[in-house]
Amino acid sequence: MRVLVTNDDGIAAPGLAVLARHAVEAGHDTFVLAPQQEMSGSGASMGSLALHHPIEVRPWTIPTLNGVPAHAAAATPAACAILGCLGAVGPPPDLVLSGINHGFNVGRSALHSGTVGAAITAAAWGARGLAVSTAWAEGEVHWETAASVALDLSGWFMDADDLRALNVNVPNVPRGELRGVRWATLAPVGAIRSAIVGIEETADGEGFRVLTDHKSTDPAAAPQRSDRALVAEGWVTLTGLGGLAEQIPSGEAAGEPALARLLERGASDGNRSDVAPAAGPLR
């Protein structure tokens, strides 16, 4: 199996090297294509790829990955996944492993994760995507635990007919201390919750600065079967991600004839001579 390893913490991040090494040790044809710098919070953004700008890609040496092709790109994680799937650095991958992220990607805030964004993007561009994260810690981080879990799950994941993108969160503990695996819903909030704590005028008086604060959420307050709650209890959590999904509401008000009448009424109003001009900007 051909495996692309990427991340959003940047190509020099320790979690990426450990994840790639485990992929090699599992016998996979492994290559690395990752952002040249940290791209946390980029979600599934394509960045400069969407603006038709050339993307600079340079060879990169990862000391612990002797012989493994690695490249650093001036691009987001999602763009790295797209470039890999388009064959920019060799044959396209069957699987994109994204991580290991230093910090859980749980709850609906996973939408903003570059780690998760790369996995979802891979699924949209012909591969499968598995994002793996572990808890942020100032002390020891058990990268080996998260990497081994991701590789143990990857074979099963590739054979799962109804899954294209998978978000995996692994407790930051030795492998033997894991309680097991649980399917999990997305918690209403992530591991961190942000708030605006102040707004102050800029020195030139022409704008303002928004001051924010970021605090850990309480996993005990999360729904019992959610990823935020389960991973805090020592479980590896799995959440399948569908990416874009259409939403077509039902009901008379959403019916196509009713919507067509809205457009007809708007066109009629636009042709009236007594329609007031649009208001100018507020001062």
C-alpha atoms as a PDB file:
ATOM      1  CA  MET A   1       0.000   0.000   0.000  1.00  0.00           C
ATOM      2  CA  ARG A   2       1.282   3.449  -0.889  1.00  0.00           C
ATOM      3  CA  VAL A   3       1.033   5.867   2.023  1.00  0.00           C
ATOM      4  CA  LEU A   4       1.456   9.635   2.135  1.00  0.00           C
ATOM      5  CA  VAL A   5       2.259  11.087   5.567  1.00  0.00           C
ATOM      6  CA  THR A   6       1.455  14.746   6.193  1.00  0.00           C
ATOM      7  CA  ASN A   7       0.462  16.960   9.116  1.00  0.00           C
ATOM      8  CA  ASP A   8      -0.367  20.515  10.174  1.00  0.00           C
ATOM      9  CA  ASP A   9       2.428  20.951  12.755  1.00  0.00           C
ATOM     10  CA  GLY A  10       5.051  21.215  10.012  1.00  0.00           C
ATOM     11  CA  ILE A  11       7.468  18.758   8.459  1.00  0.00           C
ATOM     12  CA  ALA A  12       9.943  19.039  11.365  1.00  0.00           C
ATOM     13  CA  ALA A  13       7.347  17.979  13.975  1.00  0.00           C
ATOM     14  CA  PRO A  14       8.259  14.835  15.931  1.00  0.00           C
ATOM     15  CA  GLY A  15       4.844  13.230  15.545  1.00  0.00           C
ATOM     16  CA  LEU A  16       5.137  13.131  11.761  1.00  0.00           C
ATOM     17  CA  ALA A  17       8.511  11.355  11.870  1.00  0.00           C
ATOM     18  CA  VAL A  18       7.238   8.687  14.249  1.00  0.00           C
ATOM     19  CA  LEU A  19       4.081   8.120  12.202  1.00  0.00           C
ATOM     20  CA  ALA A  20       6.070   7.790   8.975  1.00  0.00           C
ATOM     21  CA  ARG A  21       8.532   5.388  10.602  1.00  0.00           C
ATOM     22  CA  HIS A  22       5.697   3.129  11.725  1.00  0.00           C
ATOM     23  CA  ALA A  23       4.273   3.167   8.198  1.00  0.00           C
ATOM     24  CA  VAL A  24       7.664   2.063   6.832  1.00  0.00           C
ATOM     25  CA  GLU A  25       8.016  -0.640   9.485  1.00  0.00           C
ATOM     26  CA  ALA A  26       4.551  -1.922   8.532  1.00  0.00           C
ATOM     27  CA  GLY A  27       5.897  -2.537   5.028  1.00  0.00           C
ATOM     28  CA  HIS A  28       4.142   0.310   3.237  1.00  0.00           C
ATOM     29  CA  ASP A  29       5.557   2.302   0.327  1.00  0.00           C
ATOM     30  CA  THR A  30       5.823   5.524   2.313  1.00  0.00           C
ATOM     31  CA  PHE A  31       6.545   9.106   1.354  1.00  0.00           C
ATOM     32  CA  VAL A  32       6.244  12.431   3.172  1.00  0.00           C
ATOM     33  CA  LEU A  33       4.810  15.669   1.800  1.00  0.00           C
ATOM     34  CA  ALA A  34       4.051  18.169   4.541  1.00  0.00           C
ATOM     35  CA  PRO A  35       3.896  21.917   5.143  1.00  0.00           C
ATOM     36  CA  GLN A  36       7.278  23.563   5.622  1.00  0.00           C
ATOM     37  CA  GLN A  37       5.918  25.363   8.678  1.00  0.00           C
ATOM     38  CA  GLU A  38       3.102  25.028  11.177  1.00  0.00           C
ATOM     39  CA  MET A  39      -0.341  25.291   9.596  1.00  0.00           C
ATOM     40  CA  SER A  40      -2.587  24.547  12.581  1.00  0.00           C
ATOM     41  CA  GLY A  41      -6.150  25.744  12.193  1.00  0.00           C
ATOM     42  CA  SER A  42      -6.063  25.719   8.406  1.00  0.00           C
ATOM     43  CA  GLY A  43      -8.847  23.157   8.083  1.00  0.00           C
ATOM     44  CA  ALA A  44      -9.296  21.965   4.501  1.00  0.00           C
ATOM     45  CA  SER A  45      -8.025  25.233   3.018  1.00  0.00           C
ATOM     46  CA  MET A  46      -6.265  24.903  -0.323  1.00  0.00           C
ATOM     47  CA  GLY A  47      -4.349  28.142   0.221  1.00  0.00           C
ATOM     48  CA  SER A  48      -2.291  29.271  -2.761  1.00  0.00           C
ATOM     49  CA  LEU A  49      -3.353  26.198  -4.729  1.00  0.00           C
ATOM     50  CA  ALA A  50      -6.757  27.820  -5.157  1.00  0.00           C
ATOM     51  CA  LEU A  51      -5.213  31.106  -6.293  1.00  0.00           C
ATOM     52  CA  HIS A  52      -3.248  29.584  -9.179  1.00  0.00           C
ATOM     53  CA  HIS A  53       0.093  30.493  -7.626  1.00  0.00           C
ATOM     54  CA  PRO A  54       3.057  28.150  -8.080  1.00  0.00           C
ATOM     55  CA  ILE A  55       3.722  26.081  -4.963  1.00  0.00           C
ATOM     56  CA  GLU A  56       7.329  25.688  -3.921  1.00  0.00           C
ATOM     57  CA  VAL A  57       8.289  22.137  -2.931  1.00  0.00           C
ATOM     58  CA  ARG A  58      11.763  21.249  -1.658  1.00  0.00           C
ATOM     59  CA  PRO A  59      13.415  17.954  -0.698  1.00  0.00           C
ATOM     60  CA  TRP A  60      13.693  17.491   3.054  1.00  0.00           C
ATOM     61  CA  THR A  61      15.814  15.176   5.147  1.00  0.00           C
ATOM     62  CA  ILE A  62      14.254  13.557   8.204  1.00  0.00           C
ATOM     63  CA  PRO A  63      17.160  11.932  10.094  1.00  0.00           C
ATOM     64  CA  THR A  64      15.101   9.044  11.469  1.00  0.00           C
ATOM     65  CA  LEU A  65      13.673   8.179   8.037  1.00  0.00           C
ATOM     66  CA  ASN A  66      16.709   7.115   6.081  1.00  0.00           C
ATOM     67  CA  GLY A  67      15.744   6.492   2.474  1.00  0.00           C
ATOM     68  CA  VAL A  68      12.161   7.711   2.793  1.00  0.00           C
ATOM     69  CA  PRO A  69      11.357  10.411   0.200  1.00  0.00           C
ATOM     70  CA  ALA A  70      10.318  13.595   1.990  1.00  0.00           C
ATOM     71  CA  HIS A  71       9.363  17.020   0.699  1.00  0.00           C
ATOM     72  CA  ALA A  72       8.374  20.256   2.386  1.00  0.00           C
ATOM     73  CA  ALA A  73       5.815  22.414   0.625  1.00  0.00           C
ATOM     74  CA  ALA A  74       4.849  26.049   1.015  1.00  0.00           C
ATOM     75  CA  ALA A  75       1.274  24.859   1.308  1.00  0.00           C
ATOM     76  CA  THR A  76      -1.488  23.879   3.681  1.00  0.00           C
ATOM     77  CA  PRO A  77      -1.980  20.258   4.798  1.00  0.00           C
ATOM     78  CA  ALA A  78      -4.987  19.915   2.487  1.00  0.00           C
ATOM     79  CA  ALA A  79      -2.962  21.251  -0.428  1.00  0.00           C
ATOM     80  CA  CYS A  80      -0.221  18.737   0.392  1.00  0.00           C
ATOM     81  CA  ALA A  81      -2.819  15.964   0.238  1.00  0.00           C
ATOM     82  CA  ILE A  82      -4.057  17.248  -3.124  1.00  0.00           C
ATOM     83  CA  LEU A  83      -0.540  17.509  -4.537  1.00  0.00           C
ATOM     84  CA  GLY A  84       0.170  13.972  -3.389  1.00  0.00           C
ATOM     85  CA  CYS A  85      -3.053  12.663  -4.913  1.00  0.00           C
ATOM     86  CA  LEU A  86      -2.253  14.443  -8.186  1.00  0.00           C
ATOM     87  CA  GLY A  87       1.130  12.735  -8.373  1.00  0.00           C
ATOM     88  CA  ALA A  88       3.386  15.728  -7.724  1.00  0.00           C
ATOM     89  CA  VAL A  89       6.019  13.613  -5.936  1.00  0.00           C
ATOM     90  CA  GLY A  90       5.419  10.156  -7.366  1.00  0.00           C
ATOM     91  CA  PRO A  91       2.481   7.771  -7.737  1.00  0.00           C
ATOM     92  CA  PRO A  92      -0.658   8.848  -5.827  1.00  0.00           C
ATOM     93  CA  PRO A  93      -1.247   7.301  -2.400  1.00  0.00           C
ATOM     94  CA  ASP A  94      -3.885   4.803  -1.429  1.00  0.00           C
ATOM     95  CA  LEU A  95      -3.936   6.240   2.094  1.00  0.00           C
ATOM     96  CA  VAL A  96      -3.071   9.624   3.569  1.00  0.00           C
ATOM     97  CA  LEU A  97      -1.986   9.447   7.210  1.00  0.00           C
ATOM     98  CA  SER A  98      -2.225  12.890   8.785  1.00  0.00           C
ATOM     99  CA  GLY A  99      -0.563  13.599  12.124  1.00  0.00           C
ATOM    100  CA  ILE A 100       0.385  12.866  14.740  1.00  0.00           C
ATOM    101  CA  ASN A 101      -1.163  16.101  15.937  1.00  0.00           C
ATOM    102  CA  HIS A 102       0.100  17.434  19.265  1.00  0.00           C
ATOM    103  CA  GLY A 103      -3.304  18.091  20.809  1.00  0.00           C
ATOM    104  CA  PHE A 104      -6.642  16.317  20.523  1.00  0.00           C
ATOM    105  CA  ASN A 105      -8.855  17.070  17.542  1.00  0.00           C
ATOM    106  CA  VAL A 106     -12.214  16.436  19.137  1.00  0.00           C
ATOM    107  CA  GLY A 107     -15.658  17.985  18.920  1.00  0.00           C
ATOM    108  CA  ARG A 108     -16.962  20.249  16.224  1.00  0.00           C
ATOM    109  CA  SER A 109     -13.781  22.303  16.383  1.00  0.00           C
ATOM    110  CA  ALA A 110     -12.160  19.444  14.441  1.00  0.00           C
ATOM    111  CA  LEU A 111     -13.668  21.245  11.440  1.00  0.00           C
ATOM    112  CA  HIS A 112     -10.857  23.807  11.762  1.00  0.00           C
ATOM    113  CA  SER A 113      -8.033  21.285  12.179  1.00  0.00           C
ATOM    114  CA  GLY A 114      -5.460  21.114   9.412  1.00  0.00           C
ATOM    115  CA  THR A 115      -4.763  17.526  10.475  1.00  0.00           C
ATOM    116  CA  VAL A 116      -8.387  16.551   9.920  1.00  0.00           C
ATOM    117  CA  GLY A 117      -8.641  18.779   6.845  1.00  0.00           C
ATOM    118  CA  ALA A 118      -5.902  16.789   5.105  1.00  0.00           C
ATOM    119  CA  ALA A 119      -7.744  13.516   5.773  1.00  0.00           C
ATOM    120  CA  ILE A 120     -11.067  14.841   4.483  1.00  0.00           C
ATOM    121  CA  THR A 121      -9.363  16.299   1.422  1.00  0.00           C
ATOM    122  CA  ALA A 122      -7.640  12.996   0.675  1.00  0.00           C
ATOM    123  CA  ALA A 123     -11.040  11.302   0.679  1.00  0.00           C
ATOM    124  CA  ALA A 124     -12.317  13.864  -1.819  1.00  0.00           C
ATOM    125  CA  TRP A 125      -9.340  13.355  -4.150  1.00  0.00           C
ATOM    126  CA  GLY A 126      -9.384   9.603  -4.573  1.00  0.00           C
ATOM    127  CA  ALA A 127      -7.506   8.277  -1.538  1.00  0.00           C
ATOM    128  CA  ARG A 128      -8.556   7.523   2.014  1.00  0.00           C
ATOM    129  CA  GLY A 129      -7.616   9.777   4.883  1.00  0.00           C
ATOM    130  CA  LEU A 130      -6.861   8.903   8.499  1.00  0.00           C
ATOM    131  CA  ALA A 131      -6.147  11.743  10.938  1.00  0.00           C
ATOM    132  CA  VAL A 132      -4.515  10.852  14.255  1.00  0.00           C
ATOM    133  CA  SER A 133      -4.006  13.069  17.289  1.00  0.00           C
ATOM    134  CA  THR A 134      -2.907  12.748  20.887  1.00  0.00           C
ATOM    135  CA  ALA A 135      -3.159  15.020  23.912  1.00  0.00           C
ATOM    136  CA  TRP A 136      -1.030  18.120  24.183  1.00  0.00           C
ATOM    137  CA  ALA A 137       1.477  17.866  27.024  1.00  0.00           C
ATOM    138  CA  GLU A 138       4.419  19.871  28.283  1.00  0.00           C
ATOM    139  CA  GLY A 139       6.070  16.655  29.439  1.00  0.00           C
ATOM    140  CA  GLU A 140       6.289  13.243  27.810  1.00  0.00           C
ATOM    141  CA  VAL A 141       4.250  12.624  24.681  1.00  0.00           C
ATOM    142  CA  HIS A 142       3.625   8.984  23.801  1.00  0.00           C
ATOM    143  CA  TRP A 143       4.060   9.330  20.056  1.00  0.00           C
ATOM    144  CA  GLU A 144       4.722   5.597  19.721  1.00  0.00           C
ATOM    145  CA  THR A 145       1.309   4.763  21.167  1.00  0.00           C
ATOM    146  CA  ALA A 146      -0.575   6.996  18.728  1.00  0.00           C
ATOM    147  CA  ALA A 147       1.482   5.851  15.729  1.00  0.00           C
ATOM    148  CA  SER A 148       1.084   2.160  16.481  1.00  0.00           C
ATOM    149  CA  VAL A 149      -2.684   2.582  16.947  1.00  0.00           C
ATOM    150  CA  ALA A 150      -2.982   4.414  13.619  1.00  0.00           C
ATOM    151  CA  LEU A 151      -1.095   1.710  11.736  1.00  0.00           C
ATOM    152  CA  ASP A 152      -2.977  -1.104  13.475  1.00  0.00           C
ATOM    153  CA  LEU A 153      -6.255   0.496  12.336  1.00  0.00           C
ATOM    154  CA  SER A 154      -5.147   1.370   8.812  1.00  0.00           C
ATOM    155  CA  GLY A 155      -5.578  -2.085   7.271  1.00  0.00           C
ATOM    156  CA  TRP A 156      -9.088  -2.449   8.655  1.00  0.00           C
ATOM    157  CA  PHE A 157      -9.885   1.107   7.562  1.00  0.00           C
ATOM    158  CA  MET A 158      -8.834   0.458   3.974  1.00  0.00           C
ATOM    159  CA  ASP A 159     -11.244  -2.487   3.832  1.00  0.00           C
ATOM    160  CA  ALA A 160     -14.201  -0.557   5.318  1.00  0.00           C
ATOM    161  CA  ASP A 161     -16.580  -0.004   2.417  1.00  0.00           C
ATOM    162  CA  ASP A 162     -18.497   2.880   3.961  1.00  0.00           C
ATOM    163  CA  LEU A 163     -15.610   4.949   5.346  1.00  0.00           C
ATOM    164  CA  ARG A 164     -13.385   7.346   3.431  1.00  0.00           C
ATOM    165  CA  ALA A 165     -12.127   9.663   6.185  1.00  0.00           C
ATOM    166  CA  LEU A 166     -11.523   8.748   9.810  1.00  0.00           C
ATOM    167  CA  ASN A 167     -10.615  10.901  12.812  1.00  0.00           C
ATOM    168  CA  VAL A 168      -8.681   9.032  15.508  1.00  0.00           C
ATOM    169  CA  ASN A 169      -7.815  10.451  18.945  1.00  0.00           C
ATOM    170  CA  VAL A 170      -5.427   8.488  21.146  1.00  0.00           C
ATOM    171  CA  PRO A 171      -4.880   9.094  24.891  1.00  0.00           C
ATOM    172  CA  ASN A 172      -1.363  10.186  25.771  1.00  0.00           C
ATOM    173  CA  VAL A 173      -0.462   7.038  27.717  1.00  0.00           C
ATOM    174  CA  PRO A 174       1.710   3.947  27.189  1.00  0.00           C
ATOM    175  CA  ARG A 175       0.103   1.439  24.811  1.00  0.00           C
ATOM    176  CA  GLY A 176      -0.688  -0.997  27.586  1.00  0.00           C
ATOM    177  CA  GLU A 177      -2.783   1.567  29.452  1.00  0.00           C
ATOM    178  CA  LEU A 178      -5.306   2.126  26.665  1.00  0.00           C
ATOM    179  CA  ARG A 179      -8.790   0.974  27.646  1.00  0.00           C
ATOM    180  CA  GLY A 180      -9.793   0.015  24.116  1.00  0.00           C
ATOM    181  CA  VAL A 181     -11.571   1.550  21.127  1.00  0.00           C
ATOM    182  CA  ARG A 182     -14.920   3.338  20.959  1.00  0.00           C
ATOM    183  CA  TRP A 183     -16.905   4.930  18.167  1.00  0.00           C
ATOM    184  CA  ALA A 184     -17.618   8.490  19.218  1.00  0.00           C
ATOM    185  CA  THR A 185     -19.857  11.361  18.266  1.00  0.00           C
ATOM    186  CA  LEU A 186     -18.442  14.865  17.912  1.00  0.00           C
ATOM    187  CA  ALA A 187     -18.734  16.819  21.153  1.00  0.00           C
ATOM    188  CA  PRO A 188     -20.428  20.238  20.936  1.00  0.00           C
ATOM    189  CA  VAL A 189     -17.075  21.861  21.703  1.00  0.00           C
ATOM    190  CA  GLY A 190     -13.464  20.782  21.364  1.00  0.00           C
ATOM    191  CA  ALA A 191     -10.699  20.353  23.910  1.00  0.00           C
ATOM    192  CA  ILE A 192     -10.153  24.106  23.885  1.00  0.00           C
ATOM    193  CA  ARG A 193     -12.802  26.811  23.886  1.00  0.00           C
ATOM    194  CA  SER A 194     -12.080  30.362  22.763  1.00  0.00           C
ATOM    195  CA  ALA A 195     -13.703  33.573  23.917  1.00  0.00           C
ATOM    196  CA  ILE A 196     -13.394  37.282  23.183  1.00  0.00           C
ATOM    197  CA  VAL A 197     -12.154  39.008  26.323  1.00  0.00           C
ATOM    198  CA  GLY A 198     -11.717  42.513  25.003  1.00  0.00           C
ATOM    199  CA  ILE A 199     -11.604  44.868  22.039  1.00  0.00           C
ATOM    200  CA  GLU A 200      -9.137  47.715  21.890  1.00  0.00           C
ATOM    201  CA  GLU A 201      -8.501  50.467  19.390  1.00  0.00           C
ATOM    202  CA  THR A 202      -5.325  50.375  17.322  1.00  0.00           C
ATOM    203  CA  ALA A 203      -2.711  53.058  17.902  1.00  0.00           C
ATOM    204  CA  ASP A 204      -3.673  54.912  14.737  1.00  0.00           C
ATOM    205  CA  GLY A 205      -7.348  54.872  15.669  1.00  0.00           C
ATOM    206  CA  GLU A 206      -8.302  53.389  12.294  1.00  0.00           C
ATOM    207  CA  GLY A 207      -9.157  49.897  13.495  1.00  0.00           C
ATOM    208  CA  PHE A 208      -9.362  47.645  16.505  1.00  0.00           C
ATOM    209  CA  ARG A 209      -7.760  44.529  17.927  1.00  0.00           C
ATOM    210  CA  VAL A 210      -9.754  41.593  19.236  1.00  0.00           C
ATOM    211  CA  LEU A 211      -8.313  40.013  22.382  1.00  0.00           C
ATOM    212  CA  THR A 212      -9.035  36.321  22.839  1.00  0.00           C
ATOM    213  CA  ASP A 213      -8.582  33.753  25.570  1.00  0.00           C
ATOM    214  CA  HIS A 214      -8.402  29.986  25.202  1.00  0.00           C
ATOM    215  CA  LYS A 215      -9.236  27.547  27.985  1.00  0.00           C
ATOM    216  CA  SER A 216      -9.528  23.792  28.291  1.00  0.00           C
ATOM    217  CA  THR A 217     -13.050  22.449  28.319  1.00  0.00           C
ATOM    218  CA  ASP A 218     -14.279  20.039  30.980  1.00  0.00           C
ATOM    219  CA  PRO A 219     -14.588  16.530  29.473  1.00  0.00           C
ATOM    220  CA  ALA A 220     -17.024  15.594  32.244  1.00  0.00           C
ATOM    221  CA  ALA A 221     -19.447  18.162  30.818  1.00  0.00           C
ATOM    222  CA  ALA A 222     -19.334  16.616  27.324  1.00  0.00           C
ATOM    223  CA  PRO A 223     -21.955  14.074  26.191  1.00  0.00           C
ATOM    224  CA  GLN A 224     -21.156  10.587  27.423  1.00  0.00           C
ATOM    225  CA  ARG A 225     -20.569   9.011  23.996  1.00  0.00           C
ATOM    226  CA  SER A 226     -18.701  11.981  22.547  1.00  0.00           C
ATOM    227  CA  ASP A 227     -15.052  11.983  21.578  1.00  0.00           C
ATOM    228  CA  ARG A 228     -14.204  14.635  24.183  1.00  0.00           C
ATOM    229  CA  ALA A 229     -15.569  12.502  27.018  1.00  0.00           C
ATOM    230  CA  LEU A 230     -14.344   9.085  25.876  1.00  0.00           C
ATOM    231  CA  VAL A 231     -10.743  10.008  25.078  1.00  0.00           C
ATOM    232  CA  ALA A 232     -10.424  11.630  28.498  1.00  0.00           C
ATOM    233  CA  GLU A 233     -11.516   8.317  30.010  1.00  0.00           C
ATOM    234  CA  GLY A 234      -8.685   6.476  28.270  1.00  0.00           C
ATOM    235  CA  TRP A 235     -10.423   5.210  25.119  1.00  0.00           C
ATOM    236  CA  VAL A 236      -9.150   5.499  21.573  1.00  0.00           C
ATOM    237  CA  THR A 237     -11.969   7.285  19.757  1.00  0.00           C
ATOM    238  CA  LEU A 238     -12.994   6.823  16.130  1.00  0.00           C
ATOM    239  CA  THR A 239     -15.252   9.198  14.238  1.00  0.00           C
ATOM    240  CA  GLY A 240     -16.022   8.770  10.559  1.00  0.00           C
ATOM    241  CA  LEU A 241     -16.166  12.080   8.706  1.00  0.00           C
ATOM    242  CA  GLY A 242     -18.263  12.533   5.613  1.00  0.00           C
ATOM    243  CA  GLY A 243     -16.836  15.837   4.441  1.00  0.00           C
ATOM    244  CA  LEU A 244     -19.296  17.808   2.352  1.00  0.00           C
ATOM    245  CA  ALA A 245     -22.838  16.472   2.489  1.00  0.00           C
ATOM    246  CA  GLU A 246     -25.862  17.971   0.853  1.00  0.00           C
ATOM    247  CA  GLN A 247     -28.757  19.250   2.952  1.00  0.00           C
ATOM    248  CA  ILE A 248     -32.112  19.586   1.192  1.00  0.00           C
ATOM    249  CA  PRO A 249     -34.811  20.680   3.665  1.00  0.00           C
ATOM    250  CA  SER A 250     -38.371  19.433   3.465  1.00  0.00           C
ATOM    251  CA  GLY A 251     -41.595  21.334   3.987  1.00  0.00           C
ATOM    252  CA  GLU A 252     -43.853  23.546   1.938  1.00  0.00           C
ATOM    253  CA  ALA A 253     -41.793  26.714   2.460  1.00  0.00           C
ATOM    254  CA  ALA A 254     -38.725  24.997   1.009  1.00  0.00           C
ATOM    255  CA  GLY A 255     -40.578  23.684  -2.041  1.00  0.00           C
ATOM    256  CA  GLU A 256     -39.190  24.638  -5.427  1.00  0.00           C
ATOM    257  CA  PRO A 257     -42.392  26.411  -6.579  1.00  0.00           C
ATOM    258  CA  ALA A 258     -42.321  28.606  -3.444  1.00  0.00           C
ATOM    259  CA  LEU A 259     -38.661  29.431  -4.037  1.00  0.00           C
ATOM    260  CA  ALA A 260     -39.393  30.251  -7.682  1.00  0.00           C
ATOM    261  CA  ARG A 261     -42.090  32.693  -6.561  1.00  0.00           C
ATOM    262  CA  LEU A 262     -39.505  34.445  -4.384  1.00  0.00           C
ATOM    263  CA  LEU A 263     -37.326  34.988  -7.429  1.00  0.00           C
ATOM    264  CA  GLU A 264     -40.267  36.169  -9.509  1.00  0.00           C
ATOM    265  CA  ARG A 265     -41.227  38.670  -6.830  1.00  0.00           C
ATOM    266  CA  GLY A 266     -37.624  39.881  -6.577  1.00  0.00           C
ATOM    267  CA  ALA A 267     -37.399  40.361 -10.351  1.00  0.00           C
ATOM    268  CA  SER A 268     -40.673  42.275 -10.326  1.00  0.00           C
ATOM    269  CA  ASP A 269     -39.499  44.559  -7.499  1.00  0.00           C
ATOM    270  CA  GLY A 270     -36.240  45.187  -9.319  1.00  0.00           C
ATOM    271  CA  ASN A 271     -38.112  46.550 -12.324  1.00  0.00           C
ATOM    272  CA  ARG A 272     -40.150  49.059 -10.312  1.00  0.00           C
ATOM    273  CA  SER A 273     -39.190  52.702 -10.663  1.00  0.00           C
ATOM    274  CA  ASP A 274     -40.156  53.500  -7.078  1.00  0.00           C
ATOM    275  CA  VAL A 275     -37.726  51.051  -5.474  1.00  0.00           C
ATOM    276  CA  ALA A 276     -35.481  53.000  -3.073  1.00  0.00           C
ATOM    277  CA  PRO A 277     -31.765  53.032  -3.906  1.00  0.00           C
ATOM    278  CA  ALA A 278     -29.442  50.961  -1.759  1.00  0.00           C
ATOM    279  CA  ALA A 279     -28.248  52.690   1.384  1.00  0.00           C
ATOM    280  CA  GLY A 280     -24.662  53.907   1.498  1.00  0.00           C
ATOM    281  CA  PRO A 281     -22.115  52.814   4.104  1.00  0.00           C
ATOM    282  CA  LEU A 282     -22.765  53.728   7.690  1.00  0.00           C
ATOM    283  CA  ARG A 283     -20.522  56.400   9.183  1.00  0.00           C
END
